Amino acid sequence: EYRRHRPPALSGESREILRLLGGGFKDEAAARRLGL
């Protein structure tokens, strides 16, 4: 219940991954972009 209406404390890298997911990047391209 506590977590239901609050955002998790995502790191900068996690937020960038979310943006890449939302932007439609394929996994391979997103991984290269992040150096992972």
PDB file of all heavy atoms in Angstrom:
ATOM      1  N   GLU A   1       0.830  -1.196   0.000  1.00  0.00           N
ATOM      2  CA  GLU A   1       0.000   0.000   0.000  1.00  0.00           C
ATOM      3  C   GLU A   1       0.871   1.255   0.000  1.00  0.00           C
ATOM      4  O   GLU A   1       0.559   2.240  -0.690  1.00  0.00           O
ATOM      5  CB  GLU A   1      -0.919   0.001   1.232  1.00  0.00           C
ATOM      6  CG  GLU A   1      -1.841   1.207   1.327  1.00  0.00           C
ATOM      7  CD  GLU A   1      -2.801   1.308   0.159  1.00  0.00           C
ATOM      8  OE1 GLU A   1      -3.155   0.278  -0.450  1.00  0.00           O
ATOM      9  OE2 GLU A   1      -3.198   2.448  -0.172  1.00  0.00           O
ATOM     10  N   TYR A   2       1.944   1.228   0.760  1.00  0.00           N
ATOM     11  CA  TYR A   2       2.825   2.399   0.819  1.00  0.00           C
ATOM     12  C   TYR A   2       3.437   2.693  -0.552  1.00  0.00           C
ATOM     13  O   TYR A   2       3.591   3.858  -0.943  1.00  0.00           O
ATOM     14  CB  TYR A   2       3.925   2.167   1.847  1.00  0.00           C
ATOM     15  CG  TYR A   2       4.819   3.364   2.067  1.00  0.00           C
ATOM     16  CD1 TYR A   2       4.476   4.363   2.970  1.00  0.00           C
ATOM     17  CD2 TYR A   2       6.008   3.513   1.344  1.00  0.00           C
ATOM     18  CE1 TYR A   2       5.281   5.474   3.163  1.00  0.00           C
ATOM     19  CE2 TYR A   2       6.830   4.618   1.525  1.00  0.00           C
ATOM     20  CZ  TYR A   2       6.449   5.599   2.438  1.00  0.00           C
ATOM     21  OH  TYR A   2       7.242   6.703   2.602  1.00  0.00           O
ATOM     22  N   ARG A   3       3.791   1.634  -1.283  1.00  0.00           N
ATOM     23  CA  ARG A   3       4.436   1.804  -2.588  1.00  0.00           C
ATOM     24  C   ARG A   3       3.458   2.122  -3.703  1.00  0.00           C
ATOM     25  O   ARG A   3       3.875   2.516  -4.798  1.00  0.00           O
ATOM     26  CB  ARG A   3       5.203   0.532  -2.956  1.00  0.00           C
ATOM     27  CG  ARG A   3       6.348   0.183  -2.018  1.00  0.00           C
ATOM     28  CD  ARG A   3       7.053  -1.083  -2.477  1.00  0.00           C
ATOM     29  NE  ARG A   3       7.706  -0.928  -3.765  1.00  0.00           N
ATOM     30  CZ  ARG A   3       7.307  -1.500  -4.883  1.00  0.00           C
ATOM     31  NH1 ARG A   3       6.252  -2.301  -4.901  1.00  0.00           N
ATOM     32  NH2 ARG A   3       7.954  -1.304  -6.008  1.00  0.00           N
ATOM     33  N   ARG A   4       2.183   1.956  -3.454  1.00  0.00           N
ATOM     34  CA  ARG A   4       1.188   2.043  -4.537  1.00  0.00           C
ATOM     35  C   ARG A   4       1.204   3.397  -5.239  1.00  0.00           C
ATOM     36  O   ARG A   4       1.036   3.477  -6.462  1.00  0.00           O
ATOM     37  CB  ARG A   4      -0.206   1.753  -3.978  1.00  0.00           C
ATOM     38  CG  ARG A   4      -1.226   1.406  -5.065  1.00  0.00           C
ATOM     39  CD  ARG A   4      -2.580   1.084  -4.457  1.00  0.00           C
ATOM     40  NE  ARG A   4      -2.506   0.128  -3.376  1.00  0.00           N
ATOM     41  CZ  ARG A   4      -2.380  -1.185  -3.535  1.00  0.00           C
ATOM     42  NH1 ARG A   4      -2.318  -1.680  -4.755  1.00  0.00           N
ATOM     43  NH2 ARG A   4      -2.318  -1.987  -2.481  1.00  0.00           N
ATOM     44  N   HIS A   5       1.373   4.463  -4.478  1.00  0.00           N
ATOM     45  CA  HIS A   5       1.242   5.798  -5.064  1.00  0.00           C
ATOM     46  C   HIS A   5       2.542   6.605  -4.994  1.00  0.00           C
ATOM     47  O   HIS A   5       2.502   7.827  -5.063  1.00  0.00           O
ATOM     48  CB  HIS A   5       0.114   6.561  -4.369  1.00  0.00           C
ATOM     49  CG  HIS A   5      -1.202   5.863  -4.428  1.00  0.00           C
ATOM     50  ND1 HIS A   5      -1.874   5.619  -5.611  1.00  0.00           N
ATOM     51  CD2 HIS A   5      -1.963   5.296  -3.444  1.00  0.00           C
ATOM     52  CE1 HIS A   5      -2.993   4.973  -5.362  1.00  0.00           C
ATOM     53  NE2 HIS A   5      -3.073   4.761  -4.058  1.00  0.00           N
ATOM     54  N   ARG A   6       3.653   5.920  -4.843  1.00  0.00           N
ATOM     55  CA  ARG A   6       4.931   6.627  -4.814  1.00  0.00           C
ATOM     56  C   ARG A   6       5.885   6.000  -5.827  1.00  0.00           C
ATOM     57  O   ARG A   6       5.881   4.786  -6.033  1.00  0.00           O
ATOM     58  CB  ARG A   6       5.578   6.564  -3.418  1.00  0.00           C
ATOM     59  CG  ARG A   6       5.883   5.148  -2.982  1.00  0.00           C
ATOM     60  CD  ARG A   6       6.720   5.080  -1.735  1.00  0.00           C
ATOM     61  NE  ARG A   6       8.088   5.494  -1.943  1.00  0.00           N
ATOM     62  CZ  ARG A   6       9.039   4.742  -2.499  1.00  0.00           C
ATOM     63  NH1 ARG A   6       8.726   3.519  -2.947  1.00  0.00           N
ATOM     64  NH2 ARG A   6      10.263   5.192  -2.625  1.00  0.00           N
ATOM     65  N   PRO A   7       6.687   6.824  -6.482  1.00  0.00           N
ATOM     66  CA  PRO A   7       7.654   6.263  -7.426  1.00  0.00           C
ATOM     67  C   PRO A   7       8.813   5.610  -6.701  1.00  0.00           C
ATOM     68  O   PRO A   7       9.211   6.075  -5.625  1.00  0.00           O
ATOM     69  CB  PRO A   7       8.116   7.492  -8.223  1.00  0.00           C
ATOM     70  CG  PRO A   7       7.938   8.631  -7.279  1.00  0.00           C
ATOM     71  CD  PRO A   7       6.722   8.289  -6.449  1.00  0.00           C
ATOM     72  N   PRO A   8       9.362   4.534  -7.235  1.00  0.00           N
ATOM     73  CA  PRO A   8      10.558   3.949  -6.623  1.00  0.00           C
ATOM     74  C   PRO A   8      11.736   4.898  -6.791  1.00  0.00           C
ATOM     75  O   PRO A   8      11.753   5.753  -7.676  1.00  0.00           O
ATOM     76  CB  PRO A   8      10.756   2.649  -7.412  1.00  0.00           C
ATOM     77  CG  PRO A   8      10.101   2.905  -8.731  1.00  0.00           C
ATOM     78  CD  PRO A   8       8.928   3.797  -8.437  1.00  0.00           C
ATOM     79  N   ALA A   9      12.726   4.752  -5.932  1.00  0.00           N
ATOM     80  CA  ALA A   9      13.911   5.620  -5.979  1.00  0.00           C
ATOM     81  C   ALA A   9      14.870   5.097  -7.046  1.00  0.00           C
ATOM     82  O   ALA A   9      15.882   4.463  -6.745  1.00  0.00           O
ATOM     83  CB  ALA A   9      14.587   5.663  -4.611  1.00  0.00           C
ATOM     84  N   LEU A  10      14.562   5.373  -8.302  1.00  0.00           N
ATOM     85  CA  LEU A  10      15.364   4.864  -9.405  1.00  0.00           C
ATOM     86  C   LEU A  10      16.652   5.671  -9.565  1.00  0.00           C
ATOM     87  O   LEU A  10      16.673   6.886  -9.386  1.00  0.00           O
ATOM     88  CB  LEU A  10      14.566   4.925 -10.708  1.00  0.00           C
ATOM     89  CG  LEU A  10      13.307   4.066 -10.780  1.00  0.00           C
ATOM     90  CD1 LEU A  10      12.645   4.224 -12.142  1.00  0.00           C
ATOM     91  CD2 LEU A  10      13.614   2.598 -10.515  1.00  0.00           C
ATOM     92  N   SER A  11      17.707   4.962  -9.926  1.00  0.00           N
ATOM     93  CA  SER A  11      18.982   5.625 -10.205  1.00  0.00           C
ATOM     94  C   SER A  11      18.895   6.332 -11.552  1.00  0.00           C
ATOM     95  O   SER A  11      17.964   6.137 -12.346  1.00  0.00           O
ATOM     96  CB  SER A  11      20.102   4.588 -10.238  1.00  0.00           C
ATOM     97  OG  SER A  11      19.921   3.705 -11.342  1.00  0.00           O
ATOM     98  N   GLY A  12      19.903   7.157 -11.818  1.00  0.00           N
ATOM     99  CA  GLY A  12      19.952   7.838 -13.116  1.00  0.00           C
ATOM    100  C   GLY A  12      20.006   6.855 -14.261  1.00  0.00           C
ATOM    101  O   GLY A  12      19.367   7.063 -15.306  1.00  0.00           O
ATOM    102  N   GLU A  13      20.751   5.756 -14.087  1.00  0.00           N
ATOM    103  CA  GLU A  13      20.837   4.748 -15.136  1.00  0.00           C
ATOM    104  C   GLU A  13      19.482   4.098 -15.385  1.00  0.00           C
ATOM    105  O   GLU A  13      19.081   3.883 -16.539  1.00  0.00           O
ATOM    106  CB  GLU A  13      21.859   3.685 -14.766  1.00  0.00           C
ATOM    107  CG  GLU A  13      22.024   2.600 -15.824  1.00  0.00           C
ATOM    108  CD  GLU A  13      22.991   1.517 -15.394  1.00  0.00           C
ATOM    109  OE1 GLU A  13      22.584   0.628 -14.598  1.00  0.00           O
ATOM    110  OE2 GLU A  13      24.147   1.550 -15.855  1.00  0.00           O
ATOM    111  N   SER A  14      18.745   3.817 -14.315  1.00  0.00           N
ATOM    112  CA  SER A  14      17.434   3.188 -14.473  1.00  0.00           C
ATOM    113  C   SER A  14      16.466   4.110 -15.195  1.00  0.00           C
ATOM    114  O   SER A  14      15.671   3.675 -16.038  1.00  0.00           O
ATOM    115  CB  SER A  14      16.864   2.801 -13.104  1.00  0.00           C
ATOM    116  OG  SER A  14      17.640   1.786 -12.511  1.00  0.00           O
ATOM    117  N   ARG A  15      16.520   5.393 -14.873  1.00  0.00           N
ATOM    118  CA  ARG A  15      15.646   6.350 -15.569  1.00  0.00           C
ATOM    119  C   ARG A  15      16.004   6.434 -17.053  1.00  0.00           C
ATOM    120  O   ARG A  15      15.116   6.556 -17.905  1.00  0.00           O
ATOM    121  CB  ARG A  15      15.748   7.722 -14.910  1.00  0.00           C
ATOM    122  CG  ARG A  15      15.094   7.783 -13.532  1.00  0.00           C
ATOM    123  CD  ARG A  15      15.343   9.115 -12.845  1.00  0.00           C
ATOM    124  NE  ARG A  15      14.728   9.163 -11.529  1.00  0.00           N
ATOM    125  CZ  ARG A  15      13.501   9.615 -11.283  1.00  0.00           C
ATOM    126  NH1 ARG A  15      12.758  10.085 -12.289  1.00  0.00           N
ATOM    127  NH2 ARG A  15      13.017   9.622 -10.066  1.00  0.00           N
ATOM    128  N   GLU A  16      17.301   6.349 -17.360  1.00  0.00           N
ATOM    129  CA  GLU A  16      17.698   6.376 -18.766  1.00  0.00           C
ATOM    130  C   GLU A  16      17.213   5.119 -19.479  1.00  0.00           C
ATOM    131  O   GLU A  16      16.771   5.179 -20.629  1.00  0.00           O
ATOM    132  CB  GLU A  16      19.221   6.485 -18.863  1.00  0.00           C
ATOM    133  CG  GLU A  16      19.752   6.551 -20.288  1.00  0.00           C
ATOM    134  CD  GLU A  16      19.253   7.763 -21.056  1.00  0.00           C
ATOM    135  OE1 GLU A  16      18.827   8.755 -20.419  1.00  0.00           O
ATOM    136  OE2 GLU A  16      19.296   7.717 -22.307  1.00  0.00           O
ATOM    137  N   ILE A  17      17.276   3.975 -18.792  1.00  0.00           N
ATOM    138  CA  ILE A  17      16.754   2.739 -19.393  1.00  0.00           C
ATOM    139  C   ILE A  17      15.267   2.882 -19.676  1.00  0.00           C
ATOM    140  O   ILE A  17      14.774   2.470 -20.738  1.00  0.00           O
ATOM    141  CB  ILE A  17      17.031   1.541 -18.462  1.00  0.00           C
ATOM    142  CG1 ILE A  17      18.526   1.227 -18.430  1.00  0.00           C
ATOM    143  CG2 ILE A  17      16.243   0.309 -18.910  1.00  0.00           C
ATOM    144  CD1 ILE A  17      18.924   0.157 -17.429  1.00  0.00           C
ATOM    145  N   LEU A  18      14.538   3.473 -18.750  1.00  0.00           N
ATOM    146  CA  LEU A  18      13.109   3.696 -18.978  1.00  0.00           C
ATOM    147  C   LEU A  18      12.876   4.582 -20.193  1.00  0.00           C
ATOM    148  O   LEU A  18      11.961   4.347 -20.997  1.00  0.00           O
ATOM    149  CB  LEU A  18      12.469   4.329 -17.743  1.00  0.00           C
ATOM    150  CG  LEU A  18      12.004   3.396 -16.631  1.00  0.00           C
ATOM    151  CD1 LEU A  18      11.471   4.209 -15.459  1.00  0.00           C
ATOM    152  CD2 LEU A  18      10.928   2.437 -17.132  1.00  0.00           C
ATOM    153  N   ARG A  19      13.682   5.631 -20.332  1.00  0.00           N
ATOM    154  CA  ARG A  19      13.518   6.520 -21.483  1.00  0.00           C
ATOM    155  C   ARG A  19      13.814   5.785 -22.785  1.00  0.00           C
ATOM    156  O   ARG A  19      13.126   5.987 -23.796  1.00  0.00           O
ATOM    157  CB  ARG A  19      14.422   7.742 -21.324  1.00  0.00           C
ATOM    158  CG  ARG A  19      13.908   8.754 -20.317  1.00  0.00           C
ATOM    159  CD  ARG A  19      14.665  10.064 -20.398  1.00  0.00           C
ATOM    160  NE  ARG A  19      15.998   9.960 -19.836  1.00  0.00           N
ATOM    161  CZ  ARG A  19      16.279  10.195 -18.560  1.00  0.00           C
ATOM    162  NH1 ARG A  19      15.317  10.564 -17.720  1.00  0.00           N
ATOM    163  NH2 ARG A  19      17.514  10.088 -18.115  1.00  0.00           N
ATOM    164  N   LEU A  20      14.828   4.925 -22.760  1.00  0.00           N
ATOM    165  CA  LEU A  20      15.159   4.165 -23.956  1.00  0.00           C
ATOM    166  C   LEU A  20      14.054   3.167 -24.286  1.00  0.00           C
ATOM    167  O   LEU A  20      13.707   2.961 -25.456  1.00  0.00           O
ATOM    168  CB  LEU A  20      16.495   3.445 -23.773  1.00  0.00           C
ATOM    169  CG  LEU A  20      17.726   4.360 -23.640  1.00  0.00           C
ATOM    170  CD1 LEU A  20      18.971   3.531 -23.335  1.00  0.00           C
ATOM    171  CD2 LEU A  20      17.924   5.184 -24.897  1.00  0.00           C
ATOM    172  N   LEU A  21      13.498   2.535 -23.244  1.00  0.00           N
ATOM    173  CA  LEU A  21      12.369   1.625 -23.476  1.00  0.00           C
ATOM    174  C   LEU A  21      11.197   2.384 -24.072  1.00  0.00           C
ATOM    175  O   LEU A  21      10.554   1.938 -25.025  1.00  0.00           O
ATOM    176  CB  LEU A  21      11.952   0.961 -22.165  1.00  0.00           C
ATOM    177  CG  LEU A  21      12.870  -0.117 -21.585  1.00  0.00           C
ATOM    178  CD1 LEU A  21      12.373  -0.553 -20.217  1.00  0.00           C
ATOM    179  CD2 LEU A  21      12.945  -1.310 -22.525  1.00  0.00           C
ATOM    180  N   GLY A  22      10.885   3.562 -23.478  1.00  0.00           N
ATOM    181  CA  GLY A  22       9.782   4.370 -23.977  1.00  0.00           C
ATOM    182  C   GLY A  22      10.032   4.891 -25.371  1.00  0.00           C
ATOM    183  O   GLY A  22       9.090   5.146 -26.132  1.00  0.00           O
ATOM    184  N   GLY A  23      11.328   5.046 -25.739  1.00  0.00           N
ATOM    185  CA  GLY A  23      11.671   5.531 -27.069  1.00  0.00           C
ATOM    186  C   GLY A  23      11.703   4.433 -28.113  1.00  0.00           C
ATOM    187  O   GLY A  23      11.959   4.718 -29.289  1.00  0.00           O
ATOM    188  N   GLY A  24      11.478   3.198 -27.730  1.00  0.00           N
ATOM    189  CA  GLY A  24      11.404   2.114 -28.703  1.00  0.00           C
ATOM    190  C   GLY A  24      12.743   1.527 -29.106  1.00  0.00           C
ATOM    191  O   GLY A  24      12.831   0.822 -30.108  1.00  0.00           O
ATOM    192  N   PHE A  25      13.811   1.797 -28.351  1.00  0.00           N
ATOM    193  CA  PHE A  25      15.115   1.232 -28.701  1.00  0.00           C
ATOM    194  C   PHE A  25      15.109  -0.270 -28.471  1.00  0.00           C
ATOM    195  O   PHE A  25      14.596  -0.760 -27.477  1.00  0.00           O
ATOM    196  CB  PHE A  25      16.215   1.855 -27.833  1.00  0.00           C
ATOM    197  CG  PHE A  25      16.660   3.216 -28.286  1.00  0.00           C
ATOM    198  CD1 PHE A  25      15.944   4.339 -27.922  1.00  0.00           C
ATOM    199  CD2 PHE A  25      17.778   3.357 -29.092  1.00  0.00           C
ATOM    200  CE1 PHE A  25      16.351   5.591 -28.337  1.00  0.00           C
ATOM    201  CE2 PHE A  25      18.198   4.607 -29.507  1.00  0.00           C
ATOM    202  CZ  PHE A  25      17.483   5.739 -29.136  1.00  0.00           C
ATOM    203  N   LYS A  26      15.706  -1.003 -29.416  1.00  0.00           N
ATOM    204  CA  LYS A  26      15.893  -2.431 -29.217  1.00  0.00           C
ATOM    205  C   LYS A  26      16.958  -2.652 -28.149  1.00  0.00           C
ATOM    206  O   LYS A  26      17.793  -1.781 -27.881  1.00  0.00           O
ATOM    207  CB  LYS A  26      16.297  -3.108 -30.536  1.00  0.00           C
ATOM    208  CG  LYS A  26      15.189  -3.096 -31.586  1.00  0.00           C
ATOM    209  CD  LYS A  26      15.597  -3.889 -32.784  1.00  0.00           C
ATOM    210  CE  LYS A  26      14.489  -3.910 -33.834  1.00  0.00           C
ATOM    211  NZ  LYS A  26      13.249  -4.520 -33.330  1.00  0.00           N
ATOM    212  N   ASP A  27      16.934  -3.841 -27.535  1.00  0.00           N
ATOM    213  CA  ASP A  27      17.843  -4.114 -26.425  1.00  0.00           C
ATOM    214  C   ASP A  27      19.304  -3.909 -26.810  1.00  0.00           C
ATOM    215  O   ASP A  27      20.090  -3.335 -26.052  1.00  0.00           O
ATOM    216  CB  ASP A  27      17.634  -5.540 -25.920  1.00  0.00           C
ATOM    217  CG  ASP A  27      16.336  -5.698 -25.148  1.00  0.00           C
ATOM    218  OD1 ASP A  27      15.595  -4.711 -25.019  1.00  0.00           O
ATOM    219  OD2 ASP A  27      16.078  -6.820 -24.663  1.00  0.00           O
ATOM    220  N   GLU A  28      19.682  -4.407 -27.984  1.00  0.00           N
ATOM    221  CA  GLU A  28      21.071  -4.313 -28.404  1.00  0.00           C
ATOM    222  C   GLU A  28      21.512  -2.857 -28.529  1.00  0.00           C
ATOM    223  O   GLU A  28      22.599  -2.468 -28.068  1.00  0.00           O
ATOM    224  CB  GLU A  28      21.281  -5.044 -29.733  1.00  0.00           C
ATOM    225  CG  GLU A  28      21.120  -6.561 -29.653  1.00  0.00           C
ATOM    226  CD  GLU A  28      19.654  -7.000 -29.669  1.00  0.00           C
ATOM    227  OE1 GLU A  28      18.763  -6.123 -29.744  1.00  0.00           O
ATOM    228  OE2 GLU A  28      19.425  -8.221 -29.569  1.00  0.00           O
ATOM    229  N   ALA A  29      20.666  -2.036 -29.142  1.00  0.00           N
ATOM    230  CA  ALA A  29      21.003  -0.622 -29.336  1.00  0.00           C
ATOM    231  C   ALA A  29      21.042   0.119 -28.000  1.00  0.00           C
ATOM    232  O   ALA A  29      21.925   0.947 -27.754  1.00  0.00           O
ATOM    233  CB  ALA A  29      19.990   0.033 -30.282  1.00  0.00           C
ATOM    234  N   ALA A  30      20.079  -0.196 -27.108  1.00  0.00           N
ATOM    235  CA  ALA A  30      20.041   0.463 -25.801  1.00  0.00           C
ATOM    236  C   ALA A  30      21.260   0.079 -24.967  1.00  0.00           C
ATOM    237  O   ALA A  30      21.855   0.923 -24.292  1.00  0.00           O
ATOM    238  CB  ALA A  30      18.756   0.100 -25.075  1.00  0.00           C
ATOM    239  N   ALA A  31      21.638  -1.206 -25.014  1.00  0.00           N
ATOM    240  CA  ALA A  31      22.801  -1.661 -24.251  1.00  0.00           C
ATOM    241  C   ALA A  31      24.064  -0.961 -24.738  1.00  0.00           C
ATOM    242  O   ALA A  31      24.896  -0.523 -23.929  1.00  0.00           O
ATOM    243  CB  ALA A  31      22.943  -3.175 -24.372  1.00  0.00           C
ATOM    244  N   ARG A  32      24.218  -0.847 -26.050  1.00  0.00           N
ATOM    245  CA  ARG A  32      25.395  -0.156 -26.588  1.00  0.00           C
ATOM    246  C   ARG A  32      25.408   1.301 -26.154  1.00  0.00           C
ATOM    247  O   ARG A  32      26.454   1.849 -25.793  1.00  0.00           O
ATOM    248  CB  ARG A  32      25.403  -0.247 -28.112  1.00  0.00           C
ATOM    249  CG  ARG A  32      25.838  -1.581 -28.678  1.00  0.00           C
ATOM    250  CD  ARG A  32      26.208  -1.463 -30.142  1.00  0.00           C
ATOM    251  NE  ARG A  32      25.110  -0.930 -30.942  1.00  0.00           N
ATOM    252  CZ  ARG A  32      24.158  -1.668 -31.496  1.00  0.00           C
ATOM    253  NH1 ARG A  32      24.190  -2.993 -31.343  1.00  0.00           N
ATOM    254  NH2 ARG A  32      23.197  -1.124 -32.205  1.00  0.00           N
ATOM    255  N   ARG A  33      24.258   1.936 -26.183  1.00  0.00           N
ATOM    256  CA  ARG A  33      24.171   3.350 -25.826  1.00  0.00           C
ATOM    257  C   ARG A  33      24.596   3.572 -24.366  1.00  0.00           C
ATOM    258  O   ARG A  33      25.203   4.595 -24.024  1.00  0.00           O
ATOM    259  CB  ARG A  33      22.732   3.832 -26.042  1.00  0.00           C
ATOM    260  CG  ARG A  33      22.556   5.343 -25.937  1.00  0.00           C
ATOM    261  CD  ARG A  33      21.101   5.699 -26.158  1.00  0.00           C
ATOM    262  NE  ARG A  33      20.929   7.138 -26.184  1.00  0.00           N
ATOM    263  CZ  ARG A  33      20.793   7.861 -27.286  1.00  0.00           C
ATOM    264  NH1 ARG A  33      20.843   7.262 -28.471  1.00  0.00           N
ATOM    265  NH2 ARG A  33      20.620   9.169 -27.222  1.00  0.00           N
ATOM    266  N   LEU A  34      24.282   2.607 -23.501  1.00  0.00           N
ATOM    267  CA  LEU A  34      24.601   2.731 -22.079  1.00  0.00           C
ATOM    268  C   LEU A  34      25.952   2.128 -21.714  1.00  0.00           C
ATOM    269  O   LEU A  34      26.379   2.229 -20.557  1.00  0.00           O
ATOM    270  CB  LEU A  34      23.509   2.059 -21.247  1.00  0.00           C
ATOM    271  CG  LEU A  34      22.122   2.707 -21.312  1.00  0.00           C
ATOM    272  CD1 LEU A  34      21.087   1.814 -20.644  1.00  0.00           C
ATOM    273  CD2 LEU A  34      22.144   4.077 -20.661  1.00  0.00           C
ATOM    274  N   GLY A  35      26.604   1.479 -22.675  1.00  0.00           N
ATOM    275  CA  GLY A  35      27.887   0.846 -22.386  1.00  0.00           C
ATOM    276  C   GLY A  35      27.750  -0.401 -21.533  1.00  0.00           C
ATOM    277  O   GLY A  35      28.651  -0.726 -20.745  1.00  0.00           O
ATOM    278  N   LEU A  36      26.617  -1.101 -21.658  1.00  0.00           N
ATOM    279  CA  LEU A  36      26.363  -2.313 -20.890  1.00  0.00           C
ATOM    280  C   LEU A  36      26.368  -3.523 -21.805  1.00  0.00           C
ATOM    281  O   LEU A  36      26.094  -3.406 -23.013  1.00  0.00           O
ATOM    282  CB  LEU A  36      25.000  -2.226 -20.190  1.00  0.00           C
ATOM    283  CG  LEU A  36      24.764  -1.063 -19.232  1.00  0.00           C
ATOM    284  CD1 LEU A  36      23.311  -1.082 -18.748  1.00  0.00           C
ATOM    285  CD2 LEU A  36      25.718  -1.134 -18.052  1.00  0.00           C
TER     286      LEU A  36
END
